[in-house]
N, C-alpha and C. Protein backbone atom coordinates (compact mmCIF):
# COMPACT_ATOMS: atom_id res chain seq x y z
N UNK A 1 0.85 -1.20 0.00
CA UNK A 1 0.00 0.00 0.00
C UNK A 1 0.88 1.24 0.00
N UNK A 2 0.56 2.19 -0.85
CA UNK A 2 1.33 3.43 -0.94
C UNK A 2 1.04 4.30 0.28
N UNK A 3 2.08 4.83 0.89
CA UNK A 3 1.91 5.71 2.04
C UNK A 3 1.56 7.12 1.58
N UNK A 4 0.82 7.85 2.44
CA UNK A 4 0.46 9.21 2.12
C UNK A 4 1.62 10.14 2.45
N UNK A 5 1.70 11.24 1.72
CA UNK A 5 2.71 12.25 1.97
C UNK A 5 2.09 13.35 2.82
N UNK A 6 2.73 13.72 3.90
CA UNK A 6 2.22 14.81 4.73
C UNK A 6 2.39 16.13 4.00
N UNK A 7 1.29 16.87 3.89
CA UNK A 7 1.31 18.12 3.15
C UNK A 7 1.82 19.25 4.04
N UNK A 8 3.12 19.50 4.05
CA UNK A 8 3.68 20.53 4.92
C UNK A 8 4.45 21.57 4.10
N UNK A 9 4.02 21.79 2.88
CA UNK A 9 4.64 22.79 2.00
C UNK A 9 3.79 24.05 2.05
N UNK A 10 4.37 25.21 2.34
CA UNK A 10 3.58 26.44 2.48
C UNK A 10 2.96 26.90 1.17
N UNK A 11 1.84 27.58 1.29
CA UNK A 11 1.18 28.17 0.12
C UNK A 11 1.72 29.58 -0.10
N UNK A 12 2.22 29.85 -1.29
CA UNK A 12 2.75 31.17 -1.65
C UNK A 12 1.96 31.70 -2.84
N UNK A 13 1.41 32.88 -2.71
CA UNK A 13 0.68 33.48 -3.83
C UNK A 13 1.65 34.19 -4.77
N UNK A 14 1.36 34.13 -6.05
CA UNK A 14 2.18 34.85 -7.02
C UNK A 14 1.93 36.34 -6.88
N UNK A 15 2.95 37.14 -7.24
CA UNK A 15 2.84 38.59 -7.10
C UNK A 15 2.24 39.24 -8.34
N UNK A 16 2.56 38.66 -9.49
CA UNK A 16 2.17 39.26 -10.76
C UNK A 16 1.39 38.24 -11.59
N UNK A 17 1.14 38.57 -12.86
CA UNK A 17 0.40 37.63 -13.71
C UNK A 17 1.31 36.67 -14.46
N UNK A 18 2.63 36.72 -14.16
CA UNK A 18 3.59 35.92 -14.92
C UNK A 18 4.45 35.01 -14.04
N UNK A 19 4.37 35.14 -12.72
CA UNK A 19 5.35 34.47 -11.84
C UNK A 19 4.78 33.27 -11.08
N UNK A 20 3.79 32.58 -11.66
CA UNK A 20 3.23 31.40 -10.98
C UNK A 20 4.28 30.31 -10.77
N UNK A 21 5.13 30.10 -11.76
CA UNK A 21 6.18 29.10 -11.64
C UNK A 21 7.18 29.46 -10.55
N UNK A 22 7.50 30.74 -10.46
CA UNK A 22 8.43 31.20 -9.43
C UNK A 22 7.80 31.04 -8.04
N UNK A 23 6.52 31.33 -7.93
CA UNK A 23 5.83 31.15 -6.65
C UNK A 23 5.88 29.68 -6.22
N UNK A 24 5.75 28.77 -7.18
CA UNK A 24 5.86 27.34 -6.87
C UNK A 24 7.26 26.99 -6.38
N UNK A 25 8.27 27.60 -6.98
CA UNK A 25 9.65 27.40 -6.53
C UNK A 25 9.79 27.88 -5.09
N UNK A 26 9.25 29.06 -4.79
CA UNK A 26 9.34 29.60 -3.44
C UNK A 26 8.72 28.66 -2.41
N UNK A 27 7.66 27.98 -2.78
CA UNK A 27 7.03 27.02 -1.86
C UNK A 27 7.99 25.88 -1.50
N UNK A 28 8.92 25.59 -2.39
CA UNK A 28 9.81 24.44 -2.22
C UNK A 28 11.11 24.78 -1.50
N UNK A 29 11.32 26.05 -1.19
CA UNK A 29 12.56 26.49 -0.57
C UNK A 29 12.45 26.51 0.95
N UNK A 30 13.61 26.52 1.60
CA UNK A 30 13.63 26.71 3.05
C UNK A 30 13.24 28.16 3.36
N UNK A 31 12.91 28.43 4.59
CA UNK A 31 12.51 29.79 4.96
C UNK A 31 13.64 30.79 4.68
N UNK A 32 14.87 30.38 4.97
CA UNK A 32 16.02 31.26 4.72
C UNK A 32 16.18 31.54 3.23
N UNK A 33 16.08 30.50 2.41
CA UNK A 33 16.18 30.68 0.96
C UNK A 33 15.03 31.53 0.43
N UNK A 34 13.84 31.30 0.95
CA UNK A 34 12.65 32.03 0.52
C UNK A 34 12.80 33.52 0.82
N UNK A 35 13.29 33.84 2.01
CA UNK A 35 13.48 35.25 2.38
C UNK A 35 14.52 35.91 1.49
N UNK A 36 15.60 35.17 1.19
CA UNK A 36 16.64 35.72 0.31
C UNK A 36 16.09 35.98 -1.08
N UNK A 37 15.37 35.01 -1.63
CA UNK A 37 14.80 35.14 -2.96
C UNK A 37 13.82 36.33 -3.01
N UNK A 38 12.97 36.43 -2.02
CA UNK A 38 11.98 37.51 -1.99
C UNK A 38 12.66 38.88 -1.92
N UNK A 39 13.73 38.96 -1.15
CA UNK A 39 14.45 40.23 -1.01
C UNK A 39 15.14 40.63 -2.30
N UNK A 40 15.63 39.64 -3.05
CA UNK A 40 16.39 39.91 -4.28
C UNK A 40 15.61 39.45 -5.52
N UNK A 41 14.31 39.50 -5.45
CA UNK A 41 13.44 38.92 -6.48
C UNK A 41 13.78 39.39 -7.89
N UNK A 42 13.70 40.69 -8.13
CA UNK A 42 13.93 41.21 -9.49
C UNK A 42 15.37 40.99 -9.93
N UNK A 43 16.29 41.11 -9.00
CA UNK A 43 17.71 40.89 -9.32
C UNK A 43 17.95 39.46 -9.79
N UNK A 44 17.37 38.50 -9.10
CA UNK A 44 17.54 37.09 -9.47
C UNK A 44 16.89 36.81 -10.82
N UNK A 45 15.71 37.37 -11.04
CA UNK A 45 15.03 37.18 -12.33
C UNK A 45 15.88 37.70 -13.48
N UNK A 46 16.53 38.83 -13.26
CA UNK A 46 17.40 39.38 -14.30
C UNK A 46 18.66 38.53 -14.47
N UNK A 47 19.24 38.07 -13.36
CA UNK A 47 20.42 37.22 -13.44
C UNK A 47 20.13 35.93 -14.19
N UNK A 48 18.95 35.37 -13.97
CA UNK A 48 18.58 34.13 -14.65
C UNK A 48 18.25 34.35 -16.11
N UNK A 49 18.00 35.61 -16.49
CA UNK A 49 17.82 35.94 -17.91
C UNK A 49 16.41 35.94 -18.41
N UNK A 50 15.44 35.52 -17.58
CA UNK A 50 14.07 35.44 -18.10
C UNK A 50 13.25 36.69 -17.83
N UNK A 51 13.72 37.56 -16.95
CA UNK A 51 12.99 38.79 -16.69
C UNK A 51 11.58 38.50 -16.19
N UNK A 52 10.59 38.77 -17.04
CA UNK A 52 9.19 38.51 -16.67
C UNK A 52 8.54 37.50 -17.62
N UNK A 53 9.36 36.64 -18.20
CA UNK A 53 8.85 35.67 -19.18
C UNK A 53 9.47 34.30 -18.91
N UNK A 54 8.80 33.48 -18.12
CA UNK A 54 9.40 32.21 -17.67
C UNK A 54 8.88 31.01 -18.44
N UNK A 55 9.81 30.08 -18.71
CA UNK A 55 9.48 28.77 -19.29
C UNK A 55 9.91 27.69 -18.30
N UNK A 56 9.49 26.47 -18.53
CA UNK A 56 9.76 25.40 -17.56
C UNK A 56 11.26 25.18 -17.37
N UNK A 57 12.02 25.30 -18.43
CA UNK A 57 13.47 25.13 -18.29
C UNK A 57 14.06 26.20 -17.37
N UNK A 58 13.48 27.41 -17.38
CA UNK A 58 13.91 28.46 -16.45
C UNK A 58 13.62 28.05 -15.01
N UNK A 59 12.45 27.46 -14.80
CA UNK A 59 12.08 26.98 -13.46
C UNK A 59 13.07 25.92 -12.99
N UNK A 60 13.47 25.05 -13.91
CA UNK A 60 14.42 23.99 -13.58
C UNK A 60 15.76 24.57 -13.15
N UNK A 61 16.23 25.58 -13.86
CA UNK A 61 17.49 26.23 -13.49
C UNK A 61 17.38 26.94 -12.14
N UNK A 62 16.22 27.53 -11.87
CA UNK A 62 16.01 28.17 -10.56
C UNK A 62 16.09 27.14 -9.44
N UNK A 63 15.45 26.00 -9.63
CA UNK A 63 15.50 24.94 -8.63
C UNK A 63 16.93 24.48 -8.41
N UNK A 64 17.69 24.36 -9.48
CA UNK A 64 19.09 23.96 -9.38
C UNK A 64 19.89 25.00 -8.60
N UNK A 65 19.61 26.26 -8.86
CA UNK A 65 20.30 27.36 -8.17
C UNK A 65 20.13 27.24 -6.65
N UNK A 66 18.96 26.81 -6.22
CA UNK A 66 18.67 26.70 -4.79
C UNK A 66 18.78 25.26 -4.28
N UNK A 67 19.45 24.41 -5.07
CA UNK A 67 19.80 23.04 -4.67
C UNK A 67 18.57 22.18 -4.34
N UNK A 68 17.53 22.34 -5.15
CA UNK A 68 16.35 21.48 -5.03
C UNK A 68 16.48 20.36 -6.05
N UNK A 69 16.64 19.13 -5.59
CA UNK A 69 16.82 17.99 -6.50
C UNK A 69 15.53 17.73 -7.28
N UNK A 70 15.69 17.53 -8.58
CA UNK A 70 14.49 17.37 -9.41
C UNK A 70 14.83 16.75 -10.75
N UNK A 71 13.76 16.35 -11.47
CA UNK A 71 13.87 15.85 -12.85
C UNK A 71 12.79 16.50 -13.69
N UNK A 72 13.16 16.95 -14.87
CA UNK A 72 12.21 17.59 -15.77
C UNK A 72 11.80 16.62 -16.88
N UNK A 73 10.50 16.40 -17.01
CA UNK A 73 9.95 15.61 -18.11
C UNK A 73 9.33 16.57 -19.12
N UNK A 74 9.64 16.37 -20.41
CA UNK A 74 9.09 17.23 -21.45
C UNK A 74 9.08 16.50 -22.79
N UNK A 75 8.19 16.89 -23.66
CA UNK A 75 8.14 16.31 -25.00
C UNK A 75 8.84 17.19 -26.02
N UNK A 76 9.40 18.32 -25.56
CA UNK A 76 9.98 19.26 -26.52
C UNK A 76 11.17 19.99 -25.90
N UNK A 77 12.37 19.74 -26.42
CA UNK A 77 13.56 20.45 -25.96
C UNK A 77 13.84 21.63 -26.89
N UNK A 78 12.89 22.50 -27.00
CA UNK A 78 13.01 23.65 -27.90
C UNK A 78 11.96 24.67 -27.50
N UNK A 79 12.12 25.91 -27.95
CA UNK A 79 11.12 26.94 -27.64
C UNK A 79 9.77 26.59 -28.24
N UNK A 80 8.73 26.86 -27.47
CA UNK A 80 7.36 26.70 -27.93
C UNK A 80 6.69 28.06 -27.77
N UNK A 81 6.17 28.59 -28.85
CA UNK A 81 5.68 29.98 -28.84
C UNK A 81 4.58 30.23 -27.82
N UNK A 82 3.92 29.17 -27.32
CA UNK A 82 2.83 29.38 -26.37
C UNK A 82 3.03 28.64 -25.05
N UNK A 83 4.23 28.12 -24.84
CA UNK A 83 4.42 27.25 -23.67
C UNK A 83 4.78 27.98 -22.39
N UNK A 84 4.98 29.28 -22.43
CA UNK A 84 5.31 30.02 -21.22
C UNK A 84 4.11 30.22 -20.33
N UNK A 85 4.35 30.77 -19.15
CA UNK A 85 3.26 30.98 -18.19
C UNK A 85 2.81 32.42 -18.14
N UNK A 86 3.48 33.31 -18.88
CA UNK A 86 3.17 34.73 -18.77
C UNK A 86 2.15 35.21 -19.78
N UNK A 87 1.92 34.43 -20.83
CA UNK A 87 1.01 34.85 -21.88
C UNK A 87 1.64 35.83 -22.85
N UNK A 88 2.92 36.10 -22.65
CA UNK A 88 3.61 37.04 -23.53
C UNK A 88 4.16 36.33 -24.76
N UNK A 89 4.38 37.10 -25.80
CA UNK A 89 4.90 36.54 -27.04
C UNK A 89 6.35 36.10 -26.86
N UNK A 90 6.70 34.98 -27.46
CA UNK A 90 8.07 34.49 -27.42
C UNK A 90 8.97 35.42 -28.21
N UNK A 91 9.99 35.98 -27.56
CA UNK A 91 10.92 36.88 -28.24
C UNK A 91 12.13 36.11 -28.74
N UNK A 92 12.93 36.77 -29.55
CA UNK A 92 14.17 36.16 -30.04
C UNK A 92 15.09 35.84 -28.86
N UNK A 93 15.16 36.75 -27.90
CA UNK A 93 16.00 36.51 -26.71
C UNK A 93 15.50 35.31 -25.91
N UNK A 94 14.18 35.19 -25.78
CA UNK A 94 13.61 34.03 -25.09
C UNK A 94 14.01 32.74 -25.79
N UNK A 95 13.83 32.72 -27.11
CA UNK A 95 14.13 31.52 -27.90
C UNK A 95 15.60 31.13 -27.76
N UNK A 96 16.48 32.11 -27.83
CA UNK A 96 17.92 31.84 -27.70
C UNK A 96 18.25 31.31 -26.30
N UNK A 97 17.66 31.93 -25.29
CA UNK A 97 17.91 31.49 -23.91
C UNK A 97 17.44 30.06 -23.69
N UNK A 98 16.25 29.74 -24.17
CA UNK A 98 15.69 28.40 -23.98
C UNK A 98 16.55 27.35 -24.69
N UNK A 99 16.94 27.63 -25.93
CA UNK A 99 17.81 26.70 -26.66
C UNK A 99 19.12 26.49 -25.91
N UNK A 100 19.71 27.57 -25.43
CA UNK A 100 20.98 27.51 -24.73
C UNK A 100 20.87 26.73 -23.42
N UNK A 101 19.79 26.93 -22.72
CA UNK A 101 19.61 26.25 -21.44
C UNK A 101 19.39 24.75 -21.61
N UNK A 102 18.65 24.38 -22.63
CA UNK A 102 18.50 22.95 -22.91
C UNK A 102 19.84 22.34 -23.32
N UNK A 103 20.60 23.07 -24.14
CA UNK A 103 21.88 22.57 -24.63
C UNK A 103 22.89 22.38 -23.50
N UNK A 104 22.80 23.22 -22.47
CA UNK A 104 23.77 23.19 -21.38
C UNK A 104 23.25 22.47 -20.13
N UNK A 105 22.11 21.83 -20.25
CA UNK A 105 21.50 21.18 -19.09
C UNK A 105 22.40 20.11 -18.48
N UNK A 106 22.97 19.26 -19.31
CA UNK A 106 23.83 18.18 -18.81
C UNK A 106 25.03 18.75 -18.09
N UNK A 107 25.65 19.78 -18.67
CA UNK A 107 26.81 20.41 -18.05
C UNK A 107 26.46 21.04 -16.70
N UNK A 108 25.21 21.42 -16.53
CA UNK A 108 24.76 22.02 -15.28
C UNK A 108 24.09 21.01 -14.34
N UNK A 109 24.25 19.72 -14.67
CA UNK A 109 23.70 18.64 -13.84
C UNK A 109 22.18 18.74 -13.65
N UNK A 110 21.51 19.16 -14.72
CA UNK A 110 20.06 19.20 -14.73
C UNK A 110 19.55 18.00 -15.52
N UNK A 111 18.71 17.20 -14.88
CA UNK A 111 18.21 15.97 -15.50
C UNK A 111 16.95 16.27 -16.30
N UNK A 112 17.00 15.98 -17.60
CA UNK A 112 15.84 16.15 -18.48
C UNK A 112 15.52 14.80 -19.10
N UNK A 113 14.28 14.39 -18.99
CA UNK A 113 13.83 13.11 -19.54
C UNK A 113 12.81 13.38 -20.63
N UNK A 114 13.07 12.85 -21.82
CA UNK A 114 12.19 13.09 -22.96
C UNK A 114 10.93 12.23 -22.86
N UNK A 115 9.79 12.85 -23.16
CA UNK A 115 8.53 12.11 -23.16
C UNK A 115 7.56 12.62 -22.12
N UNK A 116 6.31 12.21 -22.26
CA UNK A 116 5.25 12.61 -21.32
C UNK A 116 5.20 11.64 -20.15
N UNK A 117 5.28 12.16 -18.95
CA UNK A 117 5.15 11.34 -17.75
C UNK A 117 3.70 10.88 -17.61
N UNK A 118 3.51 9.61 -17.33
CA UNK A 118 2.15 9.10 -17.16
C UNK A 118 1.54 9.62 -15.87
N UNK A 119 0.22 9.71 -15.83
CA UNK A 119 -0.45 10.16 -14.61
C UNK A 119 -0.22 9.17 -13.48
N UNK A 120 -0.09 7.89 -13.80
CA UNK A 120 0.19 6.88 -12.78
C UNK A 120 1.55 7.13 -12.13
N UNK A 121 2.57 7.44 -12.95
CA UNK A 121 3.91 7.70 -12.42
C UNK A 121 3.92 8.99 -11.61
N UNK A 122 3.17 9.99 -12.05
CA UNK A 122 3.09 11.25 -11.31
C UNK A 122 2.48 11.02 -9.94
N UNK A 123 1.39 10.28 -9.89
CA UNK A 123 0.72 9.99 -8.62
C UNK A 123 1.63 9.19 -7.70
N UNK A 124 2.30 8.19 -8.25
CA UNK A 124 3.21 7.35 -7.46
C UNK A 124 4.33 8.19 -6.85
N UNK A 125 4.87 9.13 -7.64
CA UNK A 125 5.94 9.98 -7.13
C UNK A 125 5.45 10.86 -5.99
N UNK A 126 4.32 11.52 -6.18
CA UNK A 126 3.79 12.42 -5.15
C UNK A 126 3.45 11.64 -3.88
N UNK A 127 2.92 10.44 -4.03
CA UNK A 127 2.52 9.63 -2.88
C UNK A 127 3.70 9.07 -2.11
N UNK A 128 4.83 8.89 -2.76
CA UNK A 128 5.95 8.20 -2.11
C UNK A 128 7.21 9.03 -1.95
N UNK A 129 7.37 10.08 -2.75
CA UNK A 129 8.66 10.77 -2.77
C UNK A 129 8.57 12.26 -2.48
N UNK A 130 7.87 13.00 -3.32
CA UNK A 130 7.81 14.45 -3.16
C UNK A 130 6.82 15.07 -4.12
N UNK A 131 6.72 16.40 -4.10
CA UNK A 131 5.73 17.08 -4.94
C UNK A 131 6.09 17.08 -6.42
N UNK A 132 5.13 17.51 -7.23
CA UNK A 132 5.32 17.61 -8.68
C UNK A 132 4.85 18.99 -9.14
N UNK A 133 5.72 19.69 -9.86
CA UNK A 133 5.41 21.00 -10.40
C UNK A 133 4.92 20.79 -11.83
N UNK A 134 3.68 21.18 -12.11
CA UNK A 134 3.02 20.80 -13.36
C UNK A 134 2.57 22.02 -14.14
N UNK A 135 2.85 22.04 -15.44
CA UNK A 135 2.35 23.09 -16.33
C UNK A 135 1.00 22.63 -16.88
N UNK A 136 -0.02 23.46 -16.69
CA UNK A 136 -1.37 23.11 -17.14
C UNK A 136 -1.96 24.26 -17.95
N UNK A 137 -3.05 23.94 -18.63
CA UNK A 137 -3.90 24.97 -19.21
C UNK A 137 -4.85 25.39 -18.10
N UNK A 138 -4.65 26.59 -17.58
CA UNK A 138 -5.37 27.03 -16.38
C UNK A 138 -6.89 26.91 -16.52
N UNK A 139 -7.40 27.18 -17.70
CA UNK A 139 -8.85 27.19 -17.90
C UNK A 139 -9.46 25.79 -17.78
N UNK A 140 -8.63 24.75 -17.87
CA UNK A 140 -9.15 23.38 -17.85
C UNK A 140 -9.03 22.71 -16.48
N UNK A 141 -8.38 23.39 -15.53
CA UNK A 141 -8.18 22.79 -14.20
C UNK A 141 -9.17 23.38 -13.21
N UNK A 142 -10.00 22.55 -12.62
CA UNK A 142 -10.99 23.02 -11.66
C UNK A 142 -10.76 22.37 -10.30
N UNK A 143 -11.15 23.10 -9.25
CA UNK A 143 -10.94 22.65 -7.87
C UNK A 143 -12.25 22.16 -7.27
N UNK A 144 -12.20 20.99 -6.62
CA UNK A 144 -13.38 20.42 -5.98
C UNK A 144 -13.68 21.06 -4.62
N UNK A 145 -12.71 21.80 -4.06
CA UNK A 145 -12.89 22.40 -2.74
C UNK A 145 -13.44 23.82 -2.83
N UNK A 146 -12.73 24.68 -3.57
CA UNK A 146 -13.17 26.07 -3.68
C UNK A 146 -14.07 26.29 -4.89
N UNK A 147 -14.25 25.24 -5.71
CA UNK A 147 -15.11 25.26 -6.90
C UNK A 147 -14.62 26.24 -7.97
N UNK A 148 -13.36 26.67 -7.85
CA UNK A 148 -12.81 27.57 -8.86
C UNK A 148 -12.80 26.89 -10.22
N UNK A 149 -13.27 27.57 -11.22
CA UNK A 149 -13.22 27.10 -12.62
C UNK A 149 -14.18 25.95 -12.93
N UNK A 150 -15.06 25.56 -12.01
CA UNK A 150 -15.89 24.37 -12.25
C UNK A 150 -16.73 24.53 -13.52
N UNK A 151 -17.48 25.62 -13.61
CA UNK A 151 -18.36 25.81 -14.76
C UNK A 151 -17.57 26.18 -16.00
N UNK A 152 -16.61 27.12 -15.84
CA UNK A 152 -15.85 27.59 -17.01
C UNK A 152 -15.01 26.49 -17.62
N UNK A 153 -14.49 25.58 -16.78
CA UNK A 153 -13.67 24.49 -17.32
C UNK A 153 -14.52 23.52 -18.14
N UNK A 154 -15.76 23.28 -17.69
CA UNK A 154 -16.64 22.41 -18.45
C UNK A 154 -17.01 23.04 -19.79
N UNK A 155 -17.29 24.34 -19.79
CA UNK A 155 -17.59 25.05 -21.03
C UNK A 155 -16.39 25.02 -21.96
N UNK A 156 -15.21 25.23 -21.39
CA UNK A 156 -13.99 25.23 -22.19
C UNK A 156 -13.75 23.86 -22.81
N UNK A 157 -14.00 22.79 -22.05
CA UNK A 157 -13.78 21.45 -22.58
C UNK A 157 -14.70 21.16 -23.76
N UNK A 158 -15.90 21.73 -23.72
CA UNK A 158 -16.87 21.48 -24.79
C UNK A 158 -16.63 22.37 -26.00
N UNK A 159 -16.39 23.66 -25.75
CA UNK A 159 -16.33 24.62 -26.85
C UNK A 159 -14.92 25.08 -27.22
N UNK A 160 -13.92 24.70 -26.41
CA UNK A 160 -12.56 25.13 -26.71
C UNK A 160 -12.31 26.56 -26.25
N UNK A 161 -11.13 27.07 -26.57
CA UNK A 161 -10.77 28.43 -26.16
C UNK A 161 -9.27 28.63 -26.20
N UNK A 162 -8.84 29.79 -25.73
CA UNK A 162 -7.43 30.15 -25.79
C UNK A 162 -6.64 29.50 -24.65
N UNK A 163 -5.45 29.00 -24.99
CA UNK A 163 -4.57 28.38 -24.00
C UNK A 163 -4.04 29.43 -23.02
N UNK A 164 -4.06 29.09 -21.72
CA UNK A 164 -3.49 29.94 -20.68
C UNK A 164 -2.56 29.09 -19.81
N UNK A 165 -1.27 29.19 -20.06
CA UNK A 165 -0.31 28.40 -19.31
C UNK A 165 -0.24 28.82 -17.85
N UNK A 166 -0.14 27.83 -16.97
CA UNK A 166 -0.12 28.11 -15.53
C UNK A 166 0.56 26.95 -14.81
N UNK A 167 1.35 27.27 -13.78
CA UNK A 167 2.02 26.24 -12.99
C UNK A 167 1.30 26.03 -11.66
N UNK A 168 1.15 24.76 -11.29
CA UNK A 168 0.62 24.40 -9.97
C UNK A 168 1.56 23.37 -9.35
N UNK A 169 1.48 23.23 -8.03
CA UNK A 169 2.34 22.28 -7.32
C UNK A 169 1.48 21.21 -6.67
N UNK A 170 1.56 19.99 -7.19
CA UNK A 170 0.81 18.86 -6.62
C UNK A 170 1.58 18.35 -5.41
N UNK A 171 0.93 18.36 -4.24
CA UNK A 171 1.66 18.10 -2.99
C UNK A 171 1.24 16.84 -2.26
N UNK A 172 0.07 16.30 -2.57
CA UNK A 172 -0.38 15.13 -1.79
C UNK A 172 -1.43 14.34 -2.58
N UNK A 173 -1.47 13.05 -2.29
CA UNK A 173 -2.49 12.16 -2.86
C UNK A 173 -3.32 11.62 -1.70
N UNK A 174 -4.64 11.71 -1.79
CA UNK A 174 -5.50 11.17 -0.74
C UNK A 174 -6.51 10.21 -1.35
N UNK A 175 -6.89 9.19 -0.58
CA UNK A 175 -7.91 8.25 -1.03
C UNK A 175 -7.39 6.99 -1.68
N UNK A 176 -6.11 6.67 -1.51
CA UNK A 176 -5.55 5.46 -2.13
C UNK A 176 -6.28 4.20 -1.66
N UNK A 177 -6.67 4.17 -0.41
CA UNK A 177 -7.28 2.96 0.15
C UNK A 177 -8.62 2.64 -0.52
N UNK A 178 -9.32 3.69 -0.95
CA UNK A 178 -10.62 3.48 -1.59
C UNK A 178 -10.51 3.38 -3.11
N UNK A 179 -9.39 3.89 -3.65
CA UNK A 179 -9.20 3.84 -5.09
C UNK A 179 -9.78 5.02 -5.83
N UNK A 180 -10.52 5.90 -5.12
CA UNK A 180 -11.10 7.08 -5.77
C UNK A 180 -10.33 8.33 -5.36
N UNK A 181 -9.01 8.27 -5.51
CA UNK A 181 -8.16 9.30 -4.92
C UNK A 181 -8.26 10.65 -5.61
N UNK A 182 -7.92 11.67 -4.79
CA UNK A 182 -7.85 13.05 -5.24
C UNK A 182 -6.41 13.54 -5.11
N UNK A 183 -6.07 14.50 -5.94
CA UNK A 183 -4.76 15.14 -5.87
C UNK A 183 -4.92 16.51 -5.23
N UNK A 184 -4.17 16.76 -4.18
CA UNK A 184 -4.17 18.07 -3.54
C UNK A 184 -3.04 18.89 -4.14
N UNK A 185 -3.33 20.14 -4.45
CA UNK A 185 -2.30 20.98 -5.06
C UNK A 185 -2.37 22.41 -4.56
N UNK A 186 -1.23 23.08 -4.62
CA UNK A 186 -1.14 24.50 -4.31
C UNK A 186 -1.25 25.26 -5.63
N UNK A 187 -2.17 26.21 -5.68
CA UNK A 187 -2.34 27.05 -6.86
C UNK A 187 -1.92 28.47 -6.49
N UNK A 188 -0.79 28.95 -6.99
CA UNK A 188 -0.30 30.27 -6.59
C UNK A 188 -1.20 31.43 -7.00
N UNK A 189 -2.16 31.18 -7.87
CA UNK A 189 -3.09 32.23 -8.29
C UNK A 189 -4.29 32.35 -7.36
N UNK A 190 -4.47 31.38 -6.46
CA UNK A 190 -5.65 31.35 -5.59
C UNK A 190 -5.28 31.72 -4.16
N UNK A 191 -6.25 32.28 -3.44
CA UNK A 191 -6.05 32.59 -2.03
C UNK A 191 -6.16 31.33 -1.17
N UNK A 192 -6.96 30.37 -1.63
CA UNK A 192 -7.11 29.11 -0.88
C UNK A 192 -5.78 28.41 -0.77
N UNK A 193 -5.46 27.91 0.43
CA UNK A 193 -4.15 27.30 0.64
C UNK A 193 -4.00 25.96 -0.06
N UNK A 194 -5.12 25.27 -0.29
CA UNK A 194 -5.03 23.98 -0.97
C UNK A 194 -6.24 23.79 -1.87
N UNK A 195 -6.00 23.19 -3.03
CA UNK A 195 -7.05 22.84 -3.97
C UNK A 195 -7.02 21.33 -4.19
N UNK A 196 -8.10 20.78 -4.73
CA UNK A 196 -8.17 19.34 -4.98
C UNK A 196 -8.81 19.08 -6.33
N UNK A 197 -8.30 18.07 -7.01
CA UNK A 197 -8.87 17.68 -8.30
C UNK A 197 -8.69 16.19 -8.49
N UNK A 198 -9.28 15.66 -9.54
CA UNK A 198 -9.13 14.24 -9.85
C UNK A 198 -7.96 14.04 -10.80
N UNK A 199 -7.37 12.85 -10.82
CA UNK A 199 -6.32 12.58 -11.80
C UNK A 199 -6.78 12.83 -13.23
N UNK A 200 -8.02 12.51 -13.53
CA UNK A 200 -8.54 12.69 -14.89
C UNK A 200 -8.54 14.16 -15.28
N UNK A 201 -8.97 15.04 -14.36
CA UNK A 201 -9.02 16.46 -14.70
C UNK A 201 -7.62 17.06 -14.80
N UNK A 202 -6.71 16.63 -13.91
CA UNK A 202 -5.34 17.13 -14.02
C UNK A 202 -4.74 16.71 -15.35
N UNK A 203 -4.97 15.46 -15.73
CA UNK A 203 -4.44 14.96 -16.99
C UNK A 203 -4.97 15.77 -18.18
N UNK A 204 -6.27 16.07 -18.15
CA UNK A 204 -6.88 16.84 -19.23
C UNK A 204 -6.27 18.23 -19.34
N UNK A 205 -5.89 18.81 -18.20
CA UNK A 205 -5.32 20.16 -18.20
C UNK A 205 -3.85 20.19 -18.57
N UNK A 206 -3.13 19.09 -18.34
CA UNK A 206 -1.68 19.10 -18.57
C UNK A 206 -1.25 18.50 -19.90
N UNK A 207 -2.14 17.76 -20.55
CA UNK A 207 -1.76 17.07 -21.78
C UNK A 207 -2.27 17.77 -23.04
N UNK A 208 -2.64 19.02 -22.92
CA UNK A 208 -3.09 19.78 -24.08
C UNK A 208 -1.88 20.27 -24.88
N UNK A 209 -2.06 20.64 -26.14
CA UNK A 209 -0.97 21.25 -26.90
C UNK A 209 -0.45 22.50 -26.19
N UNK A 210 0.81 22.78 -26.37
CA UNK A 210 1.51 23.96 -25.85
C UNK A 210 2.09 23.76 -24.46
N UNK A 211 1.59 22.80 -23.66
CA UNK A 211 2.25 22.55 -22.37
C UNK A 211 3.52 21.73 -22.55
N UNK A 212 3.64 21.06 -23.68
CA UNK A 212 4.74 20.11 -23.93
C UNK A 212 4.79 19.02 -22.86
N UNK A 213 3.66 18.82 -22.17
CA UNK A 213 3.56 17.82 -21.09
C UNK A 213 4.63 18.03 -20.02
N UNK A 214 4.99 19.29 -19.78
CA UNK A 214 6.06 19.60 -18.83
C UNK A 214 5.67 19.28 -17.39
N UNK A 215 6.49 18.47 -16.75
CA UNK A 215 6.34 18.14 -15.33
C UNK A 215 7.72 18.10 -14.70
N UNK A 216 7.85 18.71 -13.53
CA UNK A 216 9.10 18.63 -12.77
C UNK A 216 8.82 17.84 -11.49
N UNK A 217 9.45 16.69 -11.36
CA UNK A 217 9.32 15.88 -10.15
C UNK A 217 10.38 16.31 -9.15
N UNK A 218 9.96 16.62 -7.94
CA UNK A 218 10.86 17.10 -6.90
C UNK A 218 11.28 15.91 -6.03
N UNK A 219 12.58 15.74 -5.87
CA UNK A 219 13.10 14.60 -5.12
C UNK A 219 13.52 14.95 -3.70
N UNK A 220 13.43 16.22 -3.31
CA UNK A 220 13.73 16.60 -1.94
C UNK A 220 12.63 16.13 -1.00
N UNK A 221 13.01 15.84 0.24
CA UNK A 221 12.04 15.44 1.26
C UNK A 221 11.45 16.67 1.94
N UNK A 222 10.15 16.63 2.23
CA UNK A 222 9.47 17.75 2.89
C UNK A 222 8.67 17.25 4.08
């Protein structure tokens, strides 16, 4: 039987409309690291080169900077014009940075695994090892607790709509004993400290075009 993971990761709200991934990183840091990052926020963003336009590979480098052990799963080791979380247009500088960071990942001891991680493997990791940072289409992910996006996500699933990239942090799996488990996650865009969804809904939100099926599995203990 898979053991449950104690949900002891703090909820951090994003400051702007583009820093959801960074807020997820802040949740994964120690209090000392978090205070340092918050104090030097804009400076670090500039040093990392992404400014106000983050992609998953940027998040991976940030985690490496703060010594958070992780693995990045993706179906695309190249710039994707809609795969960022800011909604901004991909610039030439963004494209060059992303290409360069993928090319230098091995030299920087960043583990990248090609392909889409299965929902079963994602659940197994969260239940036994640590959280998962997931890129989703925000409009397709709804919460069973705060009811955020419930109606709009159903409408979107039926009629389609514009992709809105967003990062969430899956922190716990509940209900393994009954088999009807839910995934608890931190959503940096919400005031609620914890949200819950089904594996099916998370899968629908993360496997759409433009996310590149990006998932970062965190191997640190919390």
